[in-house]
Amino acid sequence: MNMKFNKSQIQTIVKTYYKVHEGSEVEVSSETVSGYEGIYETPCTNVRFKVSQQVSCFGQSVTSEVTLSEKDVNEILKTMFQEDGYDVLSVYYDAGTTTGDYFDRGTRSYFSGVTVEVKKLEKQKVKSL
């Protein structure tokens, strides 16, 4: 079964994870960064989530920021879905770049959401003859 989440829903899931597992109130934002991968430097889009929270240090209120990679967010999604009774098979990010003209004017990176392929875990029934 495929479940599609938009960008704000994924940010809410990450925020809920930090509230439940870390016990802290955080703000979550996402950004896209254009980059290159592989030996042939194929253009790609990387999605990064920033988690920020207010921390008290030496009597001062300081903003602490942590940047989560796609791997980190995948682990958060797997944990949250397992607690809800699902097994995550794959996670697909709907991210990429729009094409501009010949001189790359108008080329932008985008991130619109995540599609998660899950399997509902069923409780095994004891068969009796």
N, C-alpha and C. Protein backbone atom coordinates (compact mmCIF):
# COMPACT_ATOMS: atom_id res chain seq x y z
N MET A 1 0.85 -1.16 0.00
CA MET A 1 0.00 0.00 0.00
C MET A 1 0.90 1.23 0.00
N ASN A 2 0.56 2.21 -0.84
CA ASN A 2 1.32 3.45 -0.92
C ASN A 2 0.60 4.56 -0.18
N MET A 3 1.34 5.31 0.61
CA MET A 3 0.79 6.48 1.32
C MET A 3 1.57 7.70 0.87
N LYS A 4 0.85 8.74 0.44
CA LYS A 4 1.49 9.96 -0.03
C LYS A 4 1.31 11.05 1.01
N PHE A 5 2.42 11.70 1.35
CA PHE A 5 2.42 12.79 2.31
C PHE A 5 3.01 14.02 1.64
N ASN A 6 2.40 15.18 1.88
CA ASN A 6 3.00 16.39 1.34
C ASN A 6 4.07 16.90 2.31
N LYS A 7 4.72 17.99 1.95
CA LYS A 7 5.86 18.49 2.71
C LYS A 7 5.48 18.85 4.14
N SER A 8 4.35 19.49 4.34
CA SER A 8 3.96 19.90 5.69
C SER A 8 3.59 18.70 6.55
N GLN A 9 3.02 17.66 5.97
CA GLN A 9 2.69 16.46 6.73
C GLN A 9 3.95 15.74 7.21
N ILE A 10 4.98 15.68 6.38
CA ILE A 10 6.24 15.05 6.78
C ILE A 10 6.89 15.86 7.90
N GLN A 11 6.83 17.17 7.80
CA GLN A 11 7.39 18.01 8.86
C GLN A 11 6.64 17.78 10.17
N THR A 12 5.33 17.58 10.11
CA THR A 12 4.54 17.30 11.31
C THR A 12 4.90 15.94 11.90
N ILE A 13 5.17 14.95 11.06
CA ILE A 13 5.58 13.63 11.55
C ILE A 13 6.92 13.72 12.27
N VAL A 14 7.86 14.45 11.71
CA VAL A 14 9.17 14.62 12.35
C VAL A 14 9.02 15.36 13.67
N LYS A 15 8.16 16.37 13.68
CA LYS A 15 7.91 17.14 14.91
C LYS A 15 7.29 16.24 15.98
N THR A 16 6.36 15.38 15.59
CA THR A 16 5.74 14.44 16.53
C THR A 16 6.75 13.45 17.06
N TYR A 17 7.67 12.99 16.21
CA TYR A 17 8.71 12.07 16.64
C TYR A 17 9.55 12.69 17.76
N TYR A 18 9.97 13.92 17.56
CA TYR A 18 10.78 14.59 18.58
C TYR A 18 10.00 14.82 19.86
N LYS A 19 8.70 15.06 19.73
CA LYS A 19 7.87 15.28 20.92
C LYS A 19 7.71 13.99 21.71
N VAL A 20 7.50 12.88 21.02
CA VAL A 20 7.26 11.59 21.68
C VAL A 20 8.55 10.95 22.17
N HIS A 21 9.57 10.88 21.32
CA HIS A 21 10.78 10.13 21.64
C HIS A 21 11.86 10.96 22.34
N GLU A 22 11.96 12.23 22.02
CA GLU A 22 12.98 13.08 22.63
C GLU A 22 12.41 13.92 23.77
N GLY A 23 11.09 14.09 23.79
CA GLY A 23 10.46 14.88 24.83
C GLY A 23 10.73 16.37 24.69
N SER A 24 10.85 16.87 23.47
CA SER A 24 11.15 18.28 23.28
C SER A 24 10.27 18.88 22.19
N GLU A 25 9.96 20.14 22.36
CA GLU A 25 9.19 20.90 21.36
C GLU A 25 10.18 21.47 20.35
N VAL A 26 9.98 21.16 19.09
CA VAL A 26 10.90 21.61 18.05
C VAL A 26 10.12 22.25 16.91
N GLU A 27 10.81 22.99 16.09
CA GLU A 27 10.29 23.52 14.83
C GLU A 27 11.04 22.82 13.71
N VAL A 28 10.31 22.40 12.67
CA VAL A 28 10.91 21.65 11.57
C VAL A 28 10.68 22.41 10.27
N SER A 29 11.74 22.55 9.49
CA SER A 29 11.63 23.15 8.16
C SER A 29 12.44 22.28 7.19
N SER A 30 12.15 22.43 5.91
CA SER A 30 12.88 21.64 4.92
C SER A 30 13.41 22.57 3.84
N GLU A 31 14.49 22.13 3.22
CA GLU A 31 15.09 22.88 2.12
C GLU A 31 15.62 21.90 1.10
N THR A 32 15.71 22.37 -0.13
CA THR A 32 16.28 21.56 -1.20
C THR A 32 17.58 22.19 -1.65
N VAL A 33 18.55 21.33 -1.93
CA VAL A 33 19.86 21.78 -2.36
C VAL A 33 20.23 21.03 -3.64
N SER A 34 20.60 21.78 -4.66
CA SER A 34 21.04 21.14 -5.90
C SER A 34 22.47 20.66 -5.72
N GLY A 35 22.74 19.49 -6.27
CA GLY A 35 24.08 18.95 -6.16
C GLY A 35 24.37 18.00 -7.31
N TYR A 36 25.46 17.28 -7.17
CA TYR A 36 25.87 16.31 -8.18
C TYR A 36 26.24 15.02 -7.49
N GLU A 37 26.00 13.89 -8.17
CA GLU A 37 26.34 12.60 -7.58
C GLU A 37 26.98 11.70 -8.62
N GLY A 38 27.76 10.79 -8.14
CA GLY A 38 28.36 9.80 -9.02
C GLY A 38 29.61 10.29 -9.72
N ILE A 39 30.22 9.37 -10.42
CA ILE A 39 31.47 9.66 -11.10
C ILE A 39 31.27 10.61 -12.28
N TYR A 40 30.07 10.57 -12.86
CA TYR A 40 29.78 11.43 -14.00
C TYR A 40 29.09 12.72 -13.58
N GLU A 41 29.03 12.96 -12.29
CA GLU A 41 28.43 14.16 -11.71
C GLU A 41 27.05 14.44 -12.30
N THR A 42 26.17 13.49 -12.09
CA THR A 42 24.79 13.62 -12.51
C THR A 42 24.08 14.60 -11.58
N PRO A 43 23.37 15.58 -12.11
CA PRO A 43 22.67 16.53 -11.24
C PRO A 43 21.59 15.82 -10.40
N CYS A 44 21.49 16.22 -9.15
CA CYS A 44 20.49 15.64 -8.26
C CYS A 44 20.00 16.72 -7.30
N THR A 45 18.94 16.43 -6.58
CA THR A 45 18.39 17.33 -5.58
C THR A 45 18.42 16.63 -4.24
N ASN A 46 19.04 17.26 -3.25
CA ASN A 46 19.09 16.71 -1.90
C ASN A 46 18.10 17.46 -1.02
N VAL A 47 17.36 16.71 -0.22
CA VAL A 47 16.39 17.30 0.69
C VAL A 47 16.97 17.23 2.09
N ARG A 48 16.96 18.36 2.79
CA ARG A 48 17.46 18.41 4.16
C ARG A 48 16.40 19.02 5.05
N PHE A 49 16.23 18.42 6.21
CA PHE A 49 15.29 18.94 7.19
C PHE A 49 16.08 19.58 8.32
N LYS A 50 15.67 20.77 8.73
CA LYS A 50 16.30 21.45 9.85
C LYS A 50 15.36 21.39 11.04
N VAL A 51 15.89 20.92 12.16
CA VAL A 51 15.14 20.84 13.40
C VAL A 51 15.75 21.85 14.36
N SER A 52 14.96 22.80 14.81
CA SER A 52 15.47 23.83 15.72
C SER A 52 14.63 23.86 16.99
N GLN A 53 15.31 24.16 18.09
CA GLN A 53 14.63 24.25 19.38
C GLN A 53 15.36 25.25 20.26
N GLN A 54 14.66 25.75 21.25
CA GLN A 54 15.23 26.69 22.21
C GLN A 54 15.85 25.90 23.36
N VAL A 55 17.11 26.17 23.65
CA VAL A 55 17.85 25.49 24.71
C VAL A 55 18.36 26.54 25.69
N SER A 56 18.26 26.24 26.98
CA SER A 56 18.77 27.15 27.99
C SER A 56 20.20 26.74 28.33
N CYS A 57 21.13 27.68 28.16
CA CYS A 57 22.54 27.41 28.41
C CYS A 57 23.16 28.59 29.14
N PHE A 58 23.64 28.38 30.36
CA PHE A 58 24.25 29.41 31.18
C PHE A 58 23.31 30.59 31.40
N GLY A 59 22.04 30.29 31.56
CA GLY A 59 21.05 31.33 31.80
C GLY A 59 20.63 32.08 30.55
N GLN A 60 21.11 31.66 29.40
CA GLN A 60 20.76 32.30 28.13
C GLN A 60 19.90 31.35 27.31
N SER A 61 18.95 31.89 26.60
CA SER A 61 18.13 31.10 25.69
C SER A 61 18.79 31.10 24.32
N VAL A 62 19.19 29.93 23.86
CA VAL A 62 19.93 29.79 22.61
C VAL A 62 19.15 28.87 21.67
N THR A 63 19.16 29.18 20.40
CA THR A 63 18.52 28.33 19.40
C THR A 63 19.51 27.26 18.95
N SER A 64 19.11 26.01 19.07
CA SER A 64 19.93 24.88 18.64
C SER A 64 19.34 24.31 17.35
N GLU A 65 20.19 24.09 16.35
CA GLU A 65 19.73 23.55 15.07
C GLU A 65 20.46 22.26 14.74
N VAL A 66 19.70 21.31 14.23
CA VAL A 66 20.24 20.04 13.77
C VAL A 66 19.73 19.83 12.35
N THR A 67 20.62 19.44 11.45
CA THR A 67 20.23 19.15 10.07
C THR A 67 20.10 17.65 9.89
N LEU A 68 18.93 17.22 9.44
CA LEU A 68 18.66 15.80 9.21
C LEU A 68 18.81 15.50 7.73
N SER A 69 19.46 14.41 7.41
CA SER A 69 19.58 13.99 6.02
C SER A 69 18.37 13.11 5.67
N GLU A 70 18.32 12.67 4.42
CA GLU A 70 17.22 11.79 4.00
C GLU A 70 17.26 10.47 4.77
N LYS A 71 18.45 9.97 5.08
CA LYS A 71 18.57 8.72 5.85
C LYS A 71 17.96 8.87 7.24
N ASP A 72 18.25 10.01 7.88
CA ASP A 72 17.71 10.26 9.21
C ASP A 72 16.19 10.30 9.19
N VAL A 73 15.63 10.98 8.19
CA VAL A 73 14.18 11.09 8.07
C VAL A 73 13.58 9.72 7.75
N ASN A 74 14.28 8.91 6.94
CA ASN A 74 13.79 7.55 6.66
C ASN A 74 13.70 6.73 7.94
N GLU A 75 14.70 6.84 8.80
CA GLU A 75 14.69 6.10 10.07
C GLU A 75 13.55 6.59 10.97
N ILE A 76 13.31 7.89 10.98
CA ILE A 76 12.20 8.43 11.76
C ILE A 76 10.87 7.89 11.24
N LEU A 77 10.71 7.88 9.91
CA LEU A 77 9.48 7.35 9.32
C LEU A 77 9.29 5.87 9.63
N LYS A 78 10.37 5.09 9.54
CA LYS A 78 10.28 3.67 9.86
C LYS A 78 9.86 3.45 11.31
N THR A 79 10.44 4.22 12.22
CA THR A 79 10.09 4.10 13.63
C THR A 79 8.63 4.45 13.87
N MET A 80 8.18 5.55 13.30
CA MET A 80 6.80 5.99 13.52
C MET A 80 5.80 5.00 12.92
N PHE A 81 6.09 4.47 11.73
CA PHE A 81 5.18 3.52 11.11
C PHE A 81 5.17 2.18 11.83
N GLN A 82 6.32 1.73 12.34
CA GLN A 82 6.37 0.48 13.08
C GLN A 82 5.55 0.57 14.35
N GLU A 83 5.57 1.74 15.00
CA GLU A 83 4.76 1.91 16.20
C GLU A 83 3.28 1.91 15.89
N ASP A 84 2.93 2.26 14.65
CA ASP A 84 1.53 2.28 14.24
C ASP A 84 1.09 0.96 13.61
N GLY A 85 1.99 -0.03 13.53
CA GLY A 85 1.62 -1.35 13.03
C GLY A 85 1.88 -1.57 11.56
N TYR A 86 2.80 -0.83 10.98
CA TYR A 86 3.15 -0.98 9.57
C TYR A 86 4.62 -1.33 9.43
N ASP A 87 4.93 -2.00 8.33
CA ASP A 87 6.32 -2.30 7.98
C ASP A 87 6.64 -1.48 6.73
N VAL A 88 7.67 -0.65 6.80
CA VAL A 88 8.03 0.23 5.68
C VAL A 88 8.87 -0.56 4.68
N LEU A 89 8.41 -0.59 3.43
CA LEU A 89 9.14 -1.29 2.38
C LEU A 89 10.06 -0.35 1.62
N SER A 90 9.58 0.87 1.32
CA SER A 90 10.41 1.84 0.62
C SER A 90 9.89 3.25 0.87
N VAL A 91 10.79 4.21 0.71
CA VAL A 91 10.47 5.63 0.86
C VAL A 91 10.96 6.33 -0.40
N TYR A 92 10.08 7.09 -1.05
CA TYR A 92 10.42 7.80 -2.27
C TYR A 92 10.17 9.29 -2.08
N TYR A 93 11.18 10.11 -2.32
CA TYR A 93 11.07 11.56 -2.21
C TYR A 93 10.69 12.13 -3.56
N ASP A 94 9.62 12.93 -3.59
CA ASP A 94 9.23 13.61 -4.81
C ASP A 94 10.00 14.93 -4.86
N ALA A 95 11.24 14.85 -5.33
CA ALA A 95 12.13 16.00 -5.39
C ALA A 95 12.87 15.96 -6.71
N GLY A 96 13.22 17.13 -7.20
CA GLY A 96 13.94 17.19 -8.46
C GLY A 96 14.23 18.63 -8.83
N THR A 97 14.53 18.83 -10.09
CA THR A 97 14.81 20.18 -10.57
C THR A 97 13.92 20.47 -11.76
N THR A 98 13.46 21.71 -11.83
CA THR A 98 12.72 22.15 -13.01
C THR A 98 13.74 22.64 -14.02
N THR A 99 13.44 22.48 -15.27
CA THR A 99 14.40 22.87 -16.29
C THR A 99 14.15 24.30 -16.73
N GLY A 100 15.22 25.00 -16.92
CA GLY A 100 15.15 26.38 -17.39
C GLY A 100 15.46 26.41 -18.88
N ASP A 101 16.04 27.49 -19.32
CA ASP A 101 16.42 27.59 -20.71
C ASP A 101 17.83 27.05 -20.93
N TYR A 102 18.39 27.32 -22.06
CA TYR A 102 19.70 26.80 -22.43
C TYR A 102 20.79 27.23 -21.45
N PHE A 103 20.67 28.40 -20.87
CA PHE A 103 21.68 28.93 -19.96
C PHE A 103 21.34 28.64 -18.49
N ASP A 104 20.42 27.73 -18.23
CA ASP A 104 19.97 27.33 -16.89
C ASP A 104 19.30 28.46 -16.12
N ARG A 105 18.79 29.43 -16.80
CA ARG A 105 18.01 30.47 -16.13
C ARG A 105 16.62 29.90 -15.86
N GLY A 106 16.16 30.05 -14.64
CA GLY A 106 14.85 29.51 -14.28
C GLY A 106 14.90 28.10 -13.74
N THR A 107 16.09 27.52 -13.62
CA THR A 107 16.23 26.17 -13.07
C THR A 107 16.13 26.26 -11.55
N ARG A 108 15.20 25.49 -10.96
CA ARG A 108 15.00 25.50 -9.52
C ARG A 108 14.86 24.07 -9.02
N SER A 109 15.22 23.89 -7.76
CA SER A 109 15.00 22.61 -7.08
C SER A 109 13.65 22.65 -6.39
N TYR A 110 12.98 21.50 -6.33
CA TYR A 110 11.70 21.44 -5.65
C TYR A 110 11.60 20.17 -4.81
N PHE A 111 10.76 20.23 -3.79
CA PHE A 111 10.42 19.09 -2.95
C PHE A 111 8.95 19.21 -2.62
N SER A 112 8.15 18.25 -3.07
CA SER A 112 6.71 18.37 -2.85
C SER A 112 6.16 17.33 -1.88
N GLY A 113 6.92 16.30 -1.55
CA GLY A 113 6.40 15.34 -0.59
C GLY A 113 7.14 14.02 -0.63
N VAL A 114 6.57 13.05 0.08
CA VAL A 114 7.17 11.73 0.21
C VAL A 114 6.08 10.68 -0.01
N THR A 115 6.43 9.63 -0.74
CA THR A 115 5.55 8.47 -0.88
C THR A 115 6.20 7.31 -0.13
N VAL A 116 5.43 6.73 0.79
CA VAL A 116 5.93 5.63 1.61
C VAL A 116 5.15 4.37 1.26
N GLU A 117 5.88 3.33 0.86
CA GLU A 117 5.25 2.04 0.58
C GLU A 117 5.31 1.20 1.85
N VAL A 118 4.15 0.81 2.36
CA VAL A 118 4.08 0.09 3.62
C VAL A 118 3.28 -1.20 3.45
N LYS A 119 3.48 -2.07 4.42
CA LYS A 119 2.71 -3.31 4.49
C LYS A 119 2.14 -3.39 5.90
N LYS A 120 0.84 -3.60 5.99
CA LYS A 120 0.18 -3.68 7.29
C LYS A 120 0.57 -5.00 7.95
N LEU A 121 1.10 -4.89 9.17
CA LEU A 121 1.45 -6.09 9.92
C LEU A 121 0.20 -6.67 10.55
N GLU A 122 -0.03 -7.93 10.27
CA GLU A 122 -1.20 -8.59 10.84
C GLU A 122 -0.76 -9.49 11.98
N LYS A 123 -1.58 -9.53 12.98
CA LYS A 123 -1.27 -10.42 14.09
C LYS A 123 -1.47 -11.86 13.62
N GLN A 124 -0.50 -12.67 13.90
CA GLN A 124 -0.60 -14.05 13.46
C GLN A 124 -1.60 -14.81 14.30
N LYS A 125 -2.46 -15.53 13.63
CA LYS A 125 -3.47 -16.30 14.33
C LYS A 125 -2.96 -17.72 14.50
N VAL A 126 -3.26 -18.29 15.63
CA VAL A 126 -2.88 -19.66 15.89
C VAL A 126 -3.90 -20.57 15.21
N LYS A 127 -3.41 -21.43 14.33
CA LYS A 127 -4.29 -22.33 13.62
C LYS A 127 -4.58 -23.55 14.49
N SER A 128 -5.81 -23.92 14.54
CA SER A 128 -6.17 -25.13 15.30
C SER A 128 -6.84 -26.10 14.36
N LEU A 129 -6.58 -27.36 14.58
CA LEU A 129 -7.15 -28.38 13.71
C LEU A 129 -8.40 -28.95 14.29
